[in-house]
């Protein structure tokens, strides 16, 4: 729900109970450490998250073994954290290790192996190494189609991911086809108002924005925003992302009067929900500053850019 302030004390309480009753090295204690770390990761509090992930990983390696599925999940979580922190040198070997263990223990066509392929592909895409990312996404897609079925939500997720890669590569025709396939699966299997369906709508809108087809992009962004407001709530992080995306589109269209209140709304929600120093709050400050720059309101822009920096 994006209500991190309520989640944190509950996770901490669960951790303390498990430490006291089950012991500091019990697998369930490690699960609580992982959960709390994941929360801090979502909050952008990466320095808080790292020691919890590392503690959980050490417990699982010791108690469950280095190749246990829970241990491998913790490896993946720590890799993801390092990716978020921009520490790619630490992230890459952990992603690769996760993939190798899953291939060995679960087999090359297990759904979790496909998840590791997907995660490593996403990492390479994030680094701009598209040549490494593409075959990994394709392999993950083939496994999920074969094992889970062509209309499984995880198959749709991989279609979305591969489409995003093609979008970044500038291959819009391939991207559009895959985004539309993912959207159709989401509508059929999950329903037209499911959050994953909204994500597919958002992705397709983003593609049309890149293609400078604003007439197609605008209604998709608006539809995404309405679904997320209704299903997730007006202050959910994904809803705020939609506010930002629609504002960005209006900025590119030169419709500054439409963009400004959306950016301001997104900024206020992020300050309230995530806190004034969260990375996403900085992004909102940066976005609003960019808009003021476009509008020629340089004094306003400068102040916001400095805050974001």
Protein backbone atom coordinates (compact mmCIF):
# COMPACT_ATOMS: atom_id res chain seq x y z
CA UNK A 1 0.00 0.00 0.00
CA UNK A 2 3.04 2.28 0.22
CA UNK A 3 2.29 3.05 3.89
CA UNK A 4 5.83 2.46 5.09
CA UNK A 5 5.40 4.24 8.42
CA UNK A 6 2.85 1.62 9.51
CA UNK A 7 4.78 -1.32 8.11
CA UNK A 8 8.15 -0.61 9.75
CA UNK A 9 7.20 -1.03 13.46
CA UNK A 10 5.28 -4.24 12.67
CA UNK A 11 8.25 -5.78 10.88
CA UNK A 12 10.53 -4.71 13.77
CA UNK A 13 8.15 -6.23 16.32
CA UNK A 14 8.00 -9.50 14.36
CA UNK A 15 11.81 -9.58 14.22
CA UNK A 16 12.18 -9.03 17.96
CA UNK A 17 9.66 -11.79 18.79
CA UNK A 18 11.37 -14.27 16.47
CA UNK A 19 14.82 -13.44 17.84
CA UNK A 20 13.56 -13.95 21.41
CA UNK A 21 11.41 -17.05 20.90
CA UNK A 22 13.12 -18.87 18.02
CA UNK A 23 16.66 -17.56 18.40
CA UNK A 24 18.86 -15.19 16.40
CA UNK A 25 19.81 -17.81 13.79
CA UNK A 26 16.43 -19.42 13.09
CA UNK A 27 15.31 -19.37 9.42
CA UNK A 28 12.14 -17.49 10.38
CA UNK A 29 14.30 -14.83 12.05
CA UNK A 30 16.19 -14.55 8.76
CA UNK A 31 12.85 -14.11 6.96
CA UNK A 32 12.01 -11.19 9.27
CA UNK A 33 15.43 -9.65 8.60
CA UNK A 34 14.79 -9.98 4.86
CA UNK A 35 11.32 -8.43 5.14
CA UNK A 36 12.60 -5.43 7.07
CA UNK A 37 15.48 -5.02 4.62
CA UNK A 38 13.06 -5.14 1.70
CA UNK A 39 10.98 -2.40 3.33
CA UNK A 40 14.05 -0.17 3.75
CA UNK A 41 15.00 -0.94 0.15
CA UNK A 42 11.57 0.30 -1.04
CA UNK A 43 11.92 3.36 1.20
CA UNK A 44 15.25 4.20 -0.46
CA UNK A 45 17.02 3.72 2.91
CA UNK A 46 19.68 1.55 1.31
CA UNK A 47 22.27 1.86 4.08
CA UNK A 48 19.68 0.56 6.57
CA UNK A 49 18.68 -2.30 4.28
CA UNK A 50 22.15 -3.66 3.53
CA UNK A 51 23.11 -5.01 7.01
CA UNK A 52 19.71 -6.72 7.40
CA UNK A 53 20.06 -8.44 4.02
CA UNK A 54 23.59 -9.51 4.91
CA UNK A 55 22.55 -10.87 8.32
CA UNK A 56 19.72 -12.87 6.74
CA UNK A 57 22.10 -14.27 4.11
CA UNK A 58 24.68 -15.36 6.70
CA UNK A 59 22.04 -17.12 8.81
CA UNK A 60 20.62 -18.96 5.80
CA UNK A 61 24.04 -19.99 4.50
CA UNK A 62 24.94 -21.38 7.94
CA UNK A 63 21.63 -23.03 8.87
CA UNK A 64 20.08 -23.98 5.51
CA UNK A 65 23.17 -24.23 3.33
CA UNK A 66 24.58 -22.09 0.49
CA UNK A 67 22.31 -23.62 -2.16
CA UNK A 68 18.97 -23.62 -0.32
CA UNK A 69 16.19 -21.74 -2.17
CA UNK A 70 15.83 -19.23 0.70
CA UNK A 71 19.57 -18.55 0.66
CA UNK A 72 19.45 -17.96 -3.08
CA UNK A 73 16.49 -15.58 -2.67
CA UNK A 74 18.58 -13.57 -0.19
CA UNK A 75 21.47 -13.46 -2.67
CA UNK A 76 19.05 -12.07 -5.25
CA UNK A 77 17.69 -9.49 -2.81
CA UNK A 78 21.18 -8.26 -1.96
CA UNK A 79 22.07 -8.08 -5.66
CA UNK A 80 18.94 -6.00 -6.29
CA UNK A 81 19.89 -3.64 -3.44
CA UNK A 82 23.36 -3.08 -4.89
CA UNK A 83 21.78 -2.41 -8.28
CA UNK A 84 19.51 0.21 -6.67
CA UNK A 85 22.56 1.73 -4.99
CA UNK A 86 24.35 1.89 -8.34
CA UNK A 87 27.05 -0.50 -7.11
CA UNK A 88 27.03 -2.68 -10.22
CA UNK A 89 30.37 -4.33 -9.44
CA UNK A 90 28.84 -5.91 -6.33
CA UNK A 91 25.46 -6.66 -7.91
CA UNK A 92 26.56 -8.55 -11.04
CA UNK A 93 28.38 -11.51 -9.40
CA UNK A 94 25.49 -12.02 -6.96
CA UNK A 95 22.95 -12.11 -9.81
CA UNK A 96 25.16 -14.56 -11.70
CA UNK A 97 25.65 -16.73 -8.60
CA UNK A 98 21.90 -16.81 -8.03
CA UNK A 99 21.33 -17.94 -11.61
CA UNK A 100 24.00 -20.65 -11.50
CA UNK A 101 22.69 -22.14 -8.23
CA UNK A 102 19.11 -22.21 -9.49
CA UNK A 103 20.15 -23.84 -12.77
CA UNK A 104 22.06 -26.49 -10.80
CA UNK A 105 19.56 -27.16 -8.01
CA UNK A 106 16.19 -26.48 -9.65
CA UNK A 107 17.03 -27.13 -13.29
CA UNK A 108 17.38 -24.90 -16.35
CA UNK A 109 13.63 -24.63 -16.96
CA UNK A 110 12.34 -24.01 -13.44
CA UNK A 111 10.25 -20.83 -13.02
CA UNK A 112 12.72 -19.53 -10.40
CA UNK A 113 15.56 -20.03 -12.87
CA UNK A 114 13.56 -17.94 -15.34
CA UNK A 115 13.23 -15.26 -12.62
CA UNK A 116 17.02 -15.20 -12.21
CA UNK A 117 17.47 -14.91 -15.98
CA UNK A 118 14.97 -12.05 -15.95
CA UNK A 119 16.73 -10.27 -13.07
CA UNK A 120 20.16 -10.54 -14.68
CA UNK A 121 18.73 -9.31 -17.98
CA UNK A 122 17.14 -6.34 -16.21
CA UNK A 123 20.49 -5.57 -14.59
CA UNK A 124 22.30 -5.56 -17.94
CA UNK A 125 19.54 -3.44 -19.44
CA UNK A 126 19.94 -0.97 -16.58
CA UNK A 127 23.67 -0.83 -17.36
CA UNK A 128 22.91 -0.20 -21.04
CA UNK A 129 24.43 -3.54 -22.05
CA UNK A 130 21.55 -4.49 -24.34
CA UNK A 131 23.47 -7.22 -26.17
CA UNK A 132 23.79 -9.21 -22.93
CA UNK A 133 20.26 -8.45 -21.75
CA UNK A 134 18.29 -9.47 -24.85
CA UNK A 135 19.15 -13.23 -25.00
CA UNK A 136 18.55 -13.58 -21.24
CA UNK A 137 15.08 -12.03 -21.52
CA UNK A 138 14.31 -14.23 -24.51
CA UNK A 139 15.43 -17.35 -22.62
CA UNK A 140 13.30 -16.37 -19.62
CA UNK A 141 10.33 -15.76 -21.91
CA UNK A 142 10.64 -19.17 -23.59
CA UNK A 143 10.85 -20.95 -20.22
CA UNK A 144 7.82 -19.14 -18.85
CA UNK A 145 5.79 -19.75 -22.01
CA UNK A 146 6.66 -23.46 -21.90
CA UNK A 147 6.40 -24.11 -18.15
CA UNK A 148 3.77 -21.59 -16.99
CA UNK A 149 1.87 -21.09 -20.24
CA UNK A 150 1.63 -18.29 -22.81
CA UNK A 151 -0.99 -16.36 -20.80
CA UNK A 152 0.51 -16.59 -17.31
CA UNK A 153 1.02 -13.21 -15.57
CA UNK A 154 4.78 -13.90 -15.26
CA UNK A 155 4.93 -14.55 -19.01
CA UNK A 156 3.27 -11.15 -19.48
CA UNK A 157 5.86 -9.60 -17.14
CA UNK A 158 8.67 -10.96 -19.29
CA UNK A 159 6.97 -9.68 -22.45
CA UNK A 160 6.83 -6.27 -20.79
CA UNK A 161 10.49 -6.43 -19.79
CA UNK A 162 11.67 -7.45 -23.25
CA UNK A 163 9.48 -4.75 -24.78
CA UNK A 164 11.08 -2.18 -22.46
CA UNK A 165 14.51 -3.30 -23.61
CA UNK A 166 13.53 -2.87 -27.27
CA UNK A 167 12.08 0.55 -26.40
CA UNK A 168 15.42 1.63 -24.94
CA UNK A 169 17.17 0.22 -28.00
CA UNK A 170 14.89 2.37 -30.21
CA UNK A 171 13.25 -0.68 -31.81
CA UNK A 172 9.72 0.65 -31.35
CA UNK A 173 7.98 -1.80 -33.68
CA UNK A 174 9.17 -4.82 -31.66
CA UNK A 175 8.42 -3.05 -28.39
CA UNK A 176 4.86 -2.14 -29.38
CA UNK A 177 3.95 -5.68 -30.38
CA UNK A 178 5.23 -7.15 -27.09
CA UNK A 179 3.62 -4.44 -24.93
CA UNK A 180 0.27 -5.05 -26.62
CA UNK A 181 0.58 -8.82 -26.07
CA UNK A 182 1.32 -8.26 -22.39
CA UNK A 183 -1.62 -5.85 -22.09
CA UNK A 184 -4.04 -8.31 -23.66
CA UNK A 185 -2.91 -11.09 -21.29
CA UNK A 186 -3.32 -8.78 -18.31
CA UNK A 187 -6.81 -7.70 -19.34
CA UNK A 188 -7.91 -11.29 -20.00
CA UNK A 189 -6.30 -13.09 -17.06
CA UNK A 190 -6.10 -10.45 -14.32
CA UNK A 191 -8.86 -8.07 -15.35
CA UNK A 192 -8.91 -4.52 -16.79
CA UNK A 193 -8.32 -2.82 -13.42
CA UNK A 194 -5.57 -5.03 -12.00
CA UNK A 195 -2.37 -3.14 -11.02
CA UNK A 196 -0.34 -5.26 -13.47
CA UNK A 197 -2.74 -4.35 -16.27
CA UNK A 198 -2.28 -0.70 -15.32
CA UNK A 199 1.49 -1.18 -15.54
CA UNK A 200 1.09 -2.54 -19.09
CA UNK A 201 -1.04 0.47 -20.03
CA UNK A 202 1.62 2.75 -18.57
CA UNK A 203 4.40 1.01 -20.50
CA UNK A 204 2.55 1.29 -23.79
CA UNK A 205 1.87 4.98 -23.09
CA UNK A 206 5.59 5.49 -22.41
CA UNK A 207 6.42 3.92 -25.76
CA UNK A 208 4.00 6.21 -27.61
CA UNK A 209 5.50 9.17 -25.74
CA UNK A 210 8.97 8.16 -26.98
CA UNK A 211 7.51 7.85 -30.48
CA UNK A 212 6.12 11.41 -30.09
CA UNK A 213 2.61 10.03 -30.62
CA UNK A 214 1.08 12.09 -27.82
CA UNK A 215 -2.50 11.51 -28.98
CA UNK A 216 -2.09 7.79 -28.23
CA UNK A 217 -0.04 8.26 -25.07
CA UNK A 218 -2.30 10.70 -23.20
CA UNK A 219 -5.45 8.56 -22.81
CA UNK A 220 -3.36 5.54 -21.75
CA UNK A 221 -1.57 7.56 -19.05
CA UNK A 222 -4.93 8.94 -17.88
CA UNK A 223 -6.46 5.46 -17.78
CA UNK A 224 -3.46 4.16 -15.79
CA UNK A 225 -3.79 7.01 -13.30
CA UNK A 226 -7.52 6.39 -12.78
CA UNK A 227 -7.01 2.65 -12.20
CA UNK A 228 -4.19 3.21 -9.74
CA UNK A 229 -6.13 5.88 -7.82
CA UNK A 230 -9.12 3.55 -7.56
CA UNK A 231 -7.35 0.27 -6.81
CA UNK A 232 -4.16 1.30 -4.98
CA UNK A 233 -5.26 4.64 -3.52
CA UNK A 234 -4.37 8.27 -4.26
CA UNK A 235 -1.10 8.20 -2.27
CA UNK A 236 0.35 4.88 -3.42
CA UNK A 237 3.85 5.16 -4.96
CA UNK A 238 2.57 3.76 -8.28
CA UNK A 239 -0.23 6.34 -8.36
CA UNK A 240 2.34 9.08 -7.82
CA UNK A 241 4.46 7.63 -10.64
CA UNK A 242 1.41 7.98 -12.88
CA UNK A 243 0.95 11.61 -11.85
CA UNK A 244 4.59 12.21 -12.77
CA UNK A 245 4.30 10.41 -16.10
CA UNK A 246 1.23 12.35 -17.16
CA UNK A 247 2.85 15.61 -16.04
CA UNK A 248 5.96 14.76 -18.05
CA UNK A 249 3.85 14.15 -21.14
CA UNK A 250 2.09 17.51 -20.74
CA UNK A 251 5.48 19.16 -20.30
CA UNK A 252 6.68 17.69 -23.58
CA UNK A 253 3.45 18.80 -25.26
CA UNK A 254 4.02 22.33 -23.96
CA UNK A 255 0.86 22.14 -21.84
CA UNK A 256 2.61 23.60 -18.80
CA UNK A 257 -0.58 24.65 -17.03
CA UNK A 258 -1.68 20.99 -16.98
CA UNK A 259 1.74 19.65 -16.00
CA UNK A 260 2.51 21.93 -13.05
CA UNK A 261 -0.31 20.89 -10.65
CA UNK A 262 0.37 17.20 -11.34
CA UNK A 263 4.08 17.54 -10.56
CA UNK A 264 3.27 19.55 -7.41
CA UNK A 265 0.74 16.93 -6.29
CA UNK A 266 3.29 14.14 -6.84
CA UNK A 267 5.92 16.08 -4.87
CA UNK A 268 3.60 16.72 -1.91
CA UNK A 269 2.55 13.07 -1.70
CA UNK A 270 6.15 11.85 -1.85
CA UNK A 271 7.20 14.30 0.86
CA UNK A 272 4.33 13.07 3.03
CA UNK A 273 4.56 9.33 2.39
CA UNK A 274 8.24 8.73 1.64
CA UNK A 275 9.77 11.64 3.50
CA UNK A 276 11.58 14.80 2.38
CA UNK A 277 14.89 13.00 1.69
CA UNK A 278 13.74 9.92 -0.25
CA UNK A 279 15.30 9.44 -3.73
CA UNK A 280 11.83 9.60 -5.32
CA UNK A 281 11.17 12.92 -3.58
CA UNK A 282 14.40 14.21 -5.15
CA UNK A 283 13.16 12.98 -8.54
CA UNK A 284 9.93 14.95 -8.08
CA UNK A 285 11.88 18.09 -7.15
CA UNK A 286 14.02 17.59 -10.24
CA UNK A 287 10.97 17.08 -12.48
CA UNK A 288 9.24 20.22 -11.24
CA UNK A 289 12.48 22.18 -11.61
CA UNK A 290 12.80 20.99 -15.21
CA UNK A 291 9.26 22.18 -15.91
CA UNK A 292 9.97 25.63 -14.45
CA UNK A 293 13.08 25.75 -16.61
CA UNK A 294 10.94 25.04 -19.68
CA UNK A 295 8.54 27.76 -18.56
CA UNK A 296 11.39 30.26 -18.13
CA UNK A 297 10.82 30.49 -14.35
CA UNK A 298 14.53 30.10 -13.69
CA UNK A 299 14.58 31.30 -10.08
CA UNK A 300 12.01 28.67 -9.10
CA UNK A 301 13.84 26.02 -11.11
CA UNK A 302 17.23 26.76 -9.54
CA UNK A 303 15.95 26.42 -5.98
CA UNK A 304 14.33 23.05 -6.69
CA UNK A 305 17.35 21.72 -8.59
CA UNK A 306 19.56 22.62 -5.63
CA UNK A 307 17.22 20.83 -3.20
CA UNK A 308 17.17 17.74 -5.42
CA UNK A 309 20.95 17.77 -5.73
